[in-house]
Amino acid sequence: MEKRTLGSMIAELRKGKGMTQAELAEAMHVTDKAVSKWERNLSCPDVSTLPNLAQTLGVSVDEMLRVKAFPETAKPAADIPCLLLKAVSLAMGVAVTVLSLLGTADIRASVTMLAIGLACLSLERLSG
């Protein structure tokens, strides 16, 4: 049970009870869209509704809280520097392109921006 998400648990228990999302929503006094978001791990039920939800689904609140709230699809914080390096390199390339199209590109500034962009890409490749 530890590897399941809260959303998958809610969906599994609801289906096990033979309930539709609309029926669970009615029992919980929320919309069926809210239940859908819970099951797709886009949001979590409000803490104050957990006792009623657990009772409706036939489990304990403790059992519901032992699962992960959301799947581990979020990028870890260690990826942020790599993303920033990619963003800077893209920004430099876009800046040179726009300045060239506008006819205001200074050759020295353009080469400097492209060099910064390439350096960022190189650093990103080396770190990743």
N, C-alpha and C. Protein backbone atom coordinates (compact mmCIF):
# COMPACT_ATOMS: atom_id res chain seq x y z
N MET A 1 0.81 -1.19 0.00
CA MET A 1 0.00 0.00 0.00
C MET A 1 0.86 1.26 0.00
N GLU A 2 2.10 1.15 0.44
CA GLU A 2 2.97 2.32 0.55
C GLU A 2 3.24 2.99 -0.79
N LYS A 3 3.22 2.23 -1.90
CA LYS A 3 3.59 2.78 -3.18
C LYS A 3 2.41 3.42 -3.91
N ARG A 4 1.21 3.22 -3.42
CA ARG A 4 0.04 3.81 -4.07
C ARG A 4 -0.05 5.29 -3.72
N THR A 5 -0.72 6.00 -4.60
CA THR A 5 -1.01 7.40 -4.29
C THR A 5 -2.41 7.48 -3.69
N LEU A 6 -2.70 8.59 -3.07
CA LEU A 6 -4.01 8.78 -2.48
C LEU A 6 -5.08 8.72 -3.57
N GLY A 7 -4.79 9.32 -4.72
CA GLY A 7 -5.75 9.31 -5.82
C GLY A 7 -6.06 7.91 -6.31
N SER A 8 -5.02 7.09 -6.49
CA SER A 8 -5.27 5.72 -6.97
C SER A 8 -6.01 4.91 -5.91
N MET A 9 -5.73 5.18 -4.65
CA MET A 9 -6.43 4.48 -3.57
C MET A 9 -7.91 4.84 -3.57
N ILE A 10 -8.21 6.14 -3.71
CA ILE A 10 -9.61 6.57 -3.73
C ILE A 10 -10.33 5.92 -4.90
N ALA A 11 -9.72 5.93 -6.06
CA ALA A 11 -10.35 5.34 -7.25
C ALA A 11 -10.58 3.85 -7.06
N GLU A 12 -9.59 3.15 -6.55
CA GLU A 12 -9.69 1.71 -6.34
C GLU A 12 -10.80 1.37 -5.34
N LEU A 13 -10.82 2.08 -4.21
CA LEU A 13 -11.83 1.81 -3.19
C LEU A 13 -13.24 2.18 -3.68
N ARG A 14 -13.33 3.29 -4.42
CA ARG A 14 -14.64 3.70 -4.95
C ARG A 14 -15.17 2.65 -5.90
N LYS A 15 -14.33 2.18 -6.80
CA LYS A 15 -14.75 1.16 -7.77
C LYS A 15 -15.08 -0.15 -7.06
N GLY A 16 -14.33 -0.46 -6.01
CA GLY A 16 -14.60 -1.66 -5.22
C GLY A 16 -15.96 -1.63 -4.56
N LYS A 17 -16.41 -0.43 -4.23
CA LYS A 17 -17.74 -0.25 -3.62
C LYS A 17 -18.82 -0.16 -4.69
N GLY A 18 -18.42 -0.17 -5.97
CA GLY A 18 -19.38 -0.07 -7.06
C GLY A 18 -19.97 1.32 -7.19
N MET A 19 -19.22 2.32 -6.76
CA MET A 19 -19.70 3.70 -6.81
C MET A 19 -19.13 4.42 -8.03
N THR A 20 -19.91 5.36 -8.55
CA THR A 20 -19.41 6.24 -9.59
C THR A 20 -18.77 7.44 -8.92
N GLN A 21 -18.04 8.23 -9.70
CA GLN A 21 -17.48 9.46 -9.15
C GLN A 21 -18.59 10.38 -8.68
N ALA A 22 -19.68 10.42 -9.41
CA ALA A 22 -20.81 11.28 -9.04
C ALA A 22 -21.42 10.84 -7.72
N GLU A 23 -21.52 9.53 -7.51
CA GLU A 23 -22.09 9.03 -6.25
C GLU A 23 -21.18 9.35 -5.07
N LEU A 24 -19.88 9.18 -5.25
CA LEU A 24 -18.94 9.52 -4.19
C LEU A 24 -18.98 11.02 -3.92
N ALA A 25 -19.05 11.81 -4.98
CA ALA A 25 -19.12 13.26 -4.83
C ALA A 25 -20.36 13.67 -4.03
N GLU A 26 -21.48 13.03 -4.33
CA GLU A 26 -22.72 13.35 -3.60
C GLU A 26 -22.59 12.99 -2.13
N ALA A 27 -22.00 11.84 -1.84
CA ALA A 27 -21.81 11.41 -0.45
C ALA A 27 -20.86 12.35 0.29
N MET A 28 -19.91 12.94 -0.45
CA MET A 28 -18.91 13.81 0.16
C MET A 28 -19.32 15.30 0.13
N HIS A 29 -20.42 15.60 -0.54
CA HIS A 29 -20.89 16.99 -0.69
C HIS A 29 -19.86 17.84 -1.45
N VAL A 30 -19.30 17.23 -2.50
CA VAL A 30 -18.40 17.95 -3.40
C VAL A 30 -18.85 17.65 -4.83
N THR A 31 -18.18 18.24 -5.79
CA THR A 31 -18.54 17.98 -7.18
C THR A 31 -17.83 16.73 -7.69
N ASP A 32 -18.39 16.16 -8.76
CA ASP A 32 -17.73 15.00 -9.35
C ASP A 32 -16.39 15.40 -9.97
N LYS A 33 -16.25 16.68 -10.33
CA LYS A 33 -14.98 17.16 -10.84
C LYS A 33 -13.91 17.13 -9.74
N ALA A 34 -14.31 17.42 -8.51
CA ALA A 34 -13.36 17.36 -7.39
C ALA A 34 -12.89 15.93 -7.19
N VAL A 35 -13.80 14.98 -7.24
CA VAL A 35 -13.43 13.57 -7.09
C VAL A 35 -12.50 13.15 -8.23
N SER A 36 -12.80 13.60 -9.43
CA SER A 36 -11.95 13.29 -10.58
C SER A 36 -10.53 13.83 -10.36
N LYS A 37 -10.42 15.04 -9.85
CA LYS A 37 -9.10 15.62 -9.58
C LYS A 37 -8.36 14.85 -8.50
N TRP A 38 -9.09 14.39 -7.47
CA TRP A 38 -8.46 13.57 -6.43
C TRP A 38 -7.86 12.32 -7.05
N GLU A 39 -8.67 11.65 -7.88
CA GLU A 39 -8.26 10.37 -8.44
C GLU A 39 -7.13 10.51 -9.45
N ARG A 40 -7.03 11.67 -10.07
CA ARG A 40 -5.94 11.90 -11.04
C ARG A 40 -4.74 12.58 -10.38
N ASN A 41 -4.76 12.68 -9.06
CA ASN A 41 -3.66 13.27 -8.28
C ASN A 41 -3.39 14.72 -8.66
N LEU A 42 -4.44 15.44 -9.04
CA LEU A 42 -4.30 16.87 -9.34
C LEU A 42 -4.59 17.71 -8.11
N SER A 43 -5.30 17.13 -7.16
CA SER A 43 -5.56 17.79 -5.88
C SER A 43 -5.85 16.71 -4.84
N CYS A 44 -5.93 17.13 -3.59
CA CYS A 44 -6.22 16.21 -2.49
C CYS A 44 -7.51 16.64 -1.80
N PRO A 45 -8.20 15.69 -1.21
CA PRO A 45 -9.38 16.08 -0.42
C PRO A 45 -8.97 16.96 0.75
N ASP A 46 -9.85 17.84 1.14
CA ASP A 46 -9.60 18.68 2.31
C ASP A 46 -9.45 17.79 3.53
N VAL A 47 -8.56 18.17 4.43
CA VAL A 47 -8.30 17.38 5.63
C VAL A 47 -9.58 17.16 6.44
N SER A 48 -10.45 18.15 6.46
CA SER A 48 -11.67 18.02 7.25
C SER A 48 -12.64 16.98 6.67
N THR A 49 -12.45 16.62 5.41
CA THR A 49 -13.34 15.63 4.79
C THR A 49 -12.81 14.20 4.90
N LEU A 50 -11.57 14.04 5.35
CA LEU A 50 -10.98 12.70 5.40
C LEU A 50 -11.75 11.69 6.24
N PRO A 51 -12.25 12.07 7.44
CA PRO A 51 -13.02 11.07 8.19
C PRO A 51 -14.25 10.56 7.43
N ASN A 52 -14.99 11.48 6.80
CA ASN A 52 -16.17 11.09 6.04
C ASN A 52 -15.78 10.27 4.81
N LEU A 53 -14.71 10.67 4.14
CA LEU A 53 -14.24 9.94 2.96
C LEU A 53 -13.81 8.52 3.35
N ALA A 54 -13.05 8.42 4.42
CA ALA A 54 -12.59 7.10 4.88
C ALA A 54 -13.78 6.21 5.23
N GLN A 55 -14.75 6.76 5.93
CA GLN A 55 -15.93 5.99 6.30
C GLN A 55 -16.72 5.56 5.06
N THR A 56 -16.88 6.46 4.12
CA THR A 56 -17.62 6.16 2.90
C THR A 56 -16.93 5.06 2.10
N LEU A 57 -15.60 5.08 2.10
CA LEU A 57 -14.85 4.08 1.32
C LEU A 57 -14.52 2.82 2.12
N GLY A 58 -14.84 2.82 3.42
CA GLY A 58 -14.66 1.62 4.23
C GLY A 58 -13.24 1.37 4.69
N VAL A 59 -12.48 2.44 4.91
CA VAL A 59 -11.12 2.30 5.43
C VAL A 59 -10.94 3.29 6.58
N SER A 60 -9.82 3.18 7.27
CA SER A 60 -9.55 4.13 8.35
C SER A 60 -8.81 5.34 7.78
N VAL A 61 -8.92 6.45 8.51
CA VAL A 61 -8.19 7.65 8.11
C VAL A 61 -6.69 7.36 8.13
N ASP A 62 -6.27 6.59 9.13
CA ASP A 62 -4.85 6.24 9.23
C ASP A 62 -4.38 5.50 7.98
N GLU A 63 -5.19 4.59 7.48
CA GLU A 63 -4.84 3.84 6.28
C GLU A 63 -4.74 4.78 5.07
N MET A 64 -5.63 5.75 5.00
CA MET A 64 -5.60 6.70 3.88
C MET A 64 -4.36 7.57 3.93
N LEU A 65 -3.92 7.91 5.12
CA LEU A 65 -2.77 8.80 5.27
C LEU A 65 -1.43 8.10 5.07
N ARG A 66 -1.45 6.78 4.96
CA ARG A 66 -0.21 6.04 4.76
C ARG A 66 0.23 6.00 3.31
N VAL A 67 -0.60 6.48 2.42
CA VAL A 67 -0.23 6.51 1.01
C VAL A 67 0.37 7.86 0.68
N LYS A 68 1.02 7.93 -0.46
CA LYS A 68 1.60 9.20 -0.90
C LYS A 68 0.49 10.09 -1.44
N ALA A 69 0.59 11.38 -1.16
CA ALA A 69 -0.44 12.30 -1.63
C ALA A 69 -0.37 12.45 -3.14
N PHE A 70 0.82 12.52 -3.71
CA PHE A 70 0.98 12.72 -5.14
C PHE A 70 2.06 11.79 -5.65
N PRO A 71 1.99 11.40 -6.92
CA PRO A 71 3.05 10.56 -7.48
C PRO A 71 4.35 11.34 -7.55
N GLU A 72 5.45 10.62 -7.59
CA GLU A 72 6.76 11.27 -7.64
C GLU A 72 7.15 11.56 -9.07
N THR A 73 6.43 12.48 -9.70
CA THR A 73 6.74 12.86 -11.07
C THR A 73 7.39 14.24 -11.12
N ALA A 74 7.37 14.92 -10.00
CA ALA A 74 7.96 16.26 -9.97
C ALA A 74 9.48 16.14 -10.07
N LYS A 75 10.06 17.10 -10.74
CA LYS A 75 11.52 17.11 -10.87
C LYS A 75 12.14 17.47 -9.53
N PRO A 76 13.17 16.75 -9.12
CA PRO A 76 13.84 17.10 -7.88
C PRO A 76 14.53 18.46 -8.00
N ALA A 77 14.78 19.06 -6.89
CA ALA A 77 15.40 20.38 -6.86
C ALA A 77 16.78 20.37 -7.52
N ALA A 78 17.41 19.22 -7.59
CA ALA A 78 18.74 19.13 -8.22
C ALA A 78 18.67 19.43 -9.71
N ASP A 79 17.51 19.29 -10.33
CA ASP A 79 17.37 19.55 -11.76
C ASP A 79 17.21 21.04 -12.07
N ILE A 80 16.97 21.86 -11.07
CA ILE A 80 16.74 23.29 -11.30
C ILE A 80 17.94 23.97 -11.95
N PRO A 81 19.17 23.75 -11.49
CA PRO A 81 20.30 24.39 -12.18
C PRO A 81 20.39 24.01 -13.66
N CYS A 82 20.12 22.76 -13.98
CA CYS A 82 20.16 22.33 -15.38
C CYS A 82 19.09 23.05 -16.19
N LEU A 83 17.90 23.16 -15.61
CA LEU A 83 16.83 23.87 -16.30
C LEU A 83 17.17 25.34 -16.51
N LEU A 84 17.80 25.95 -15.51
CA LEU A 84 18.19 27.35 -15.64
C LEU A 84 19.25 27.54 -16.73
N LEU A 85 20.20 26.63 -16.79
CA LEU A 85 21.23 26.72 -17.83
C LEU A 85 20.62 26.59 -19.22
N LYS A 86 19.66 25.68 -19.38
CA LYS A 86 18.97 25.53 -20.66
C LYS A 86 18.17 26.79 -21.00
N ALA A 87 17.52 27.36 -19.99
CA ALA A 87 16.71 28.56 -20.21
C ALA A 87 17.59 29.74 -20.64
N VAL A 88 18.73 29.90 -20.01
CA VAL A 88 19.64 31.00 -20.36
C VAL A 88 20.15 30.82 -21.79
N SER A 89 20.52 29.59 -22.14
CA SER A 89 21.02 29.36 -23.50
C SER A 89 19.94 29.63 -24.53
N LEU A 90 18.73 29.22 -24.24
CA LEU A 90 17.62 29.50 -25.16
C LEU A 90 17.37 31.00 -25.27
N ALA A 91 17.40 31.68 -24.14
CA ALA A 91 17.16 33.13 -24.14
C ALA A 91 18.22 33.86 -24.96
N MET A 92 19.46 33.42 -24.85
CA MET A 92 20.53 34.06 -25.62
C MET A 92 20.30 33.86 -27.12
N GLY A 93 19.95 32.66 -27.51
CA GLY A 93 19.69 32.38 -28.92
C GLY A 93 18.51 33.18 -29.46
N VAL A 94 17.45 33.27 -28.67
CA VAL A 94 16.27 34.04 -29.07
C VAL A 94 16.62 35.52 -29.18
N ALA A 95 17.39 36.02 -28.23
CA ALA A 95 17.77 37.43 -28.26
C ALA A 95 18.56 37.77 -29.52
N VAL A 96 19.52 36.94 -29.87
CA VAL A 96 20.32 37.18 -31.07
C VAL A 96 19.44 37.12 -32.31
N THR A 97 18.54 36.16 -32.35
CA THR A 97 17.64 36.02 -33.51
C THR A 97 16.76 37.25 -33.66
N VAL A 98 16.16 37.69 -32.56
CA VAL A 98 15.25 38.85 -32.61
C VAL A 98 16.02 40.11 -33.01
N LEU A 99 17.17 40.31 -32.39
CA LEU A 99 17.97 41.49 -32.74
C LEU A 99 18.40 41.47 -34.20
N SER A 100 18.72 40.29 -34.72
CA SER A 100 19.09 40.16 -36.13
C SER A 100 17.91 40.49 -37.03
N LEU A 101 16.73 39.98 -36.69
CA LEU A 101 15.54 40.24 -37.49
C LEU A 101 15.16 41.72 -37.48
N LEU A 102 15.41 42.38 -36.36
CA LEU A 102 15.11 43.81 -36.25
C LEU A 102 16.19 44.67 -36.90
N GLY A 103 17.31 44.05 -37.23
CA GLY A 103 18.40 44.78 -37.85
C GLY A 103 19.20 45.62 -36.88
N THR A 104 19.08 45.32 -35.60
CA THR A 104 19.79 46.10 -34.59
C THR A 104 20.87 45.28 -33.89
N ALA A 105 21.23 44.16 -34.45
CA ALA A 105 22.20 43.28 -33.81
C ALA A 105 23.61 43.85 -33.97
N ASP A 106 24.28 43.98 -32.86
CA ASP A 106 25.70 44.36 -32.84
C ASP A 106 26.48 43.06 -32.88
N ILE A 107 27.42 42.94 -33.78
CA ILE A 107 28.13 41.69 -33.98
C ILE A 107 28.84 41.22 -32.72
N ARG A 108 29.48 42.16 -32.02
CA ARG A 108 30.22 41.79 -30.80
C ARG A 108 29.26 41.31 -29.71
N ALA A 109 28.15 42.03 -29.52
CA ALA A 109 27.16 41.63 -28.51
C ALA A 109 26.52 40.28 -28.89
N SER A 110 26.25 40.08 -30.18
CA SER A 110 25.64 38.83 -30.64
C SER A 110 26.55 37.64 -30.39
N VAL A 111 27.83 37.81 -30.71
CA VAL A 111 28.79 36.72 -30.49
C VAL A 111 28.92 36.43 -29.00
N THR A 112 28.90 37.48 -28.18
CA THR A 112 28.99 37.30 -26.73
C THR A 112 27.78 36.52 -26.20
N MET A 113 26.59 36.92 -26.68
CA MET A 113 25.37 36.22 -26.23
C MET A 113 25.38 34.76 -26.67
N LEU A 114 25.80 34.51 -27.90
CA LEU A 114 25.86 33.13 -28.38
C LEU A 114 26.90 32.33 -27.59
N ALA A 115 28.01 32.96 -27.24
CA ALA A 115 29.04 32.28 -26.44
C ALA A 115 28.50 31.93 -25.06
N ILE A 116 27.76 32.86 -24.47
CA ILE A 116 27.14 32.58 -23.16
C ILE A 116 26.18 31.41 -23.27
N GLY A 117 25.37 31.43 -24.32
CA GLY A 117 24.42 30.34 -24.54
C GLY A 117 25.11 29.00 -24.71
N LEU A 118 26.19 28.96 -25.51
CA LEU A 118 26.93 27.72 -25.70
C LEU A 118 27.62 27.27 -24.42
N ALA A 119 28.12 28.20 -23.64
CA ALA A 119 28.75 27.86 -22.38
C ALA A 119 27.72 27.24 -21.43
N CYS A 120 26.53 27.82 -21.40
CA CYS A 120 25.48 27.27 -20.54
C CYS A 120 25.09 25.88 -20.98
N LEU A 121 24.96 25.67 -22.28
CA LEU A 121 24.65 24.32 -22.78
C LEU A 121 25.75 23.32 -22.44
N SER A 122 26.98 23.76 -22.55
CA SER A 122 28.11 22.88 -22.22
C SER A 122 28.09 22.53 -20.74
N LEU A 123 27.87 23.52 -19.89
CA LEU A 123 27.80 23.25 -18.45
C LEU A 123 26.65 22.29 -18.11
N GLU A 124 25.52 22.49 -18.78
CA GLU A 124 24.37 21.62 -18.54
C GLU A 124 24.69 20.18 -18.94
N ARG A 125 25.36 20.01 -20.08
CA ARG A 125 25.73 18.68 -20.56
C ARG A 125 26.72 18.02 -19.61
N LEU A 126 27.67 18.79 -19.12
CA LEU A 126 28.67 18.24 -18.21
C LEU A 126 28.06 17.84 -16.87
N SER A 127 27.11 18.62 -16.40
CA SER A 127 26.51 18.32 -15.09
C SER A 127 25.47 17.21 -15.18
N GLY A 128 24.86 17.05 -16.35
CA GLY A 128 23.81 16.05 -16.48
C GLY A 128 24.31 14.86 -17.16
